[in-house]
Protein backbone atom coordinates (compact mmCIF):
# COMPACT_ATOMS: atom_id res chain seq x y z
CA MET A 1 152.48 129.32 105.62
CA LEU A 2 149.04 130.85 105.92
CA ALA A 3 146.72 132.27 103.30
CA LYS A 4 143.62 134.27 104.21
CA LEU A 5 140.25 133.73 102.53
CA THR A 6 138.50 137.07 101.97
CA SER A 7 134.79 137.79 102.29
CA LYS A 8 134.62 137.51 98.47
CA ASN A 9 136.09 133.98 98.54
CA GLN A 10 139.42 135.20 97.18
CA LEU A 11 142.66 133.64 98.31
CA THR A 12 146.12 135.14 97.88
CA LEU A 13 148.86 132.56 97.56
CA PRO A 14 152.19 133.27 99.28
CA LYS A 15 154.83 134.63 96.89
CA SER A 16 157.26 131.82 97.74
CA ILE A 17 154.66 129.27 96.59
CA VAL A 18 153.80 131.11 93.38
CA THR A 19 157.44 131.59 92.38
CA SER A 20 158.17 127.88 92.87
CA ILE A 21 155.77 126.80 90.10
CA PRO A 22 155.58 127.64 86.38
CA LYS A 23 153.74 130.91 85.66
CA THR A 24 150.04 130.29 85.30
CA ASP A 25 146.77 132.18 85.62
CA TYR A 26 144.55 129.16 86.19
CA PHE A 27 144.48 126.30 88.67
CA GLU A 28 142.43 123.12 88.71
CA VAL A 29 140.80 122.97 92.13
CA GLU A 30 139.89 119.72 93.88
CA VAL A 31 139.04 118.65 97.40
CA GLU A 32 140.91 115.53 98.43
CA ASN A 33 140.56 114.06 101.93
CA GLY A 34 139.47 117.43 103.31
CA ARG A 35 142.34 119.31 101.63
CA ILE A 36 142.03 121.85 98.84
CA MET A 37 144.40 120.85 96.05
CA LEU A 38 145.50 123.44 93.46
CA THR A 39 147.13 122.21 90.26
CA PRO A 40 148.55 124.79 87.82
CA VAL A 41 146.87 124.59 84.41
CA ARG A 42 148.11 126.15 81.22
CA MET A 43 145.04 127.14 79.25
CA GLN A 44 145.41 127.21 75.52
CA GLN A 45 143.43 129.97 73.83
CA ALA A 46 141.36 127.42 71.92
CA ASP A 47 140.57 125.60 75.17
CA ALA A 48 139.29 128.85 76.67
CA VAL A 49 137.04 129.43 73.65
CA ARG A 50 135.72 125.86 73.83
CA ALA A 51 135.02 126.23 77.54
CA LYS A 52 133.11 129.49 76.93
CA LEU A 53 131.06 127.95 74.11
CA ASP A 54 130.25 124.98 76.33
CA ALA A 55 129.23 127.26 79.21
CA LEU A 56 126.91 129.13 76.84
CA GLY A 57 125.41 125.87 75.55
CA ILE A 58 126.63 126.49 71.98
CA ASN A 59 127.26 123.28 70.07
CA ASP A 60 128.99 122.42 66.78
CA GLN A 61 125.78 122.74 64.77
CA ASP A 62 125.13 126.20 66.21
CA VAL A 63 128.57 127.30 65.01
CA LEU A 64 128.01 125.84 61.54
CA ASP A 65 124.62 127.57 61.34
CA ALA A 66 126.18 130.90 62.33
CA ILE A 67 128.89 130.55 59.68
CA GLU A 68 126.30 129.72 57.02
CA TRP A 69 124.17 132.71 58.09
CA ALA A 70 127.19 135.03 57.98
CA ARG A 71 128.16 133.87 54.50
CA LYS A 72 124.63 134.49 53.21
CA SER A 73 124.73 138.02 54.65
CA GLN A 74 127.65 139.02 52.40
CA PRO A 75 126.73 141.64 49.74
């Protein structure tokens, strides 16, 4: 089977491939011996939040500080 890479680096997987794996929206992507390997990943909502916080550089202390600030702001 073939899949075409678009000018925006998007790849559409063949329907027969997608229907043969559990439903997922995310794949772990690796290059192994010159091959692109896609592994279905089931993201938990909390994992997505943690990943976003990490990408933004927000750490545990930042979260605690924000909670403390919000509690002080209550009337």
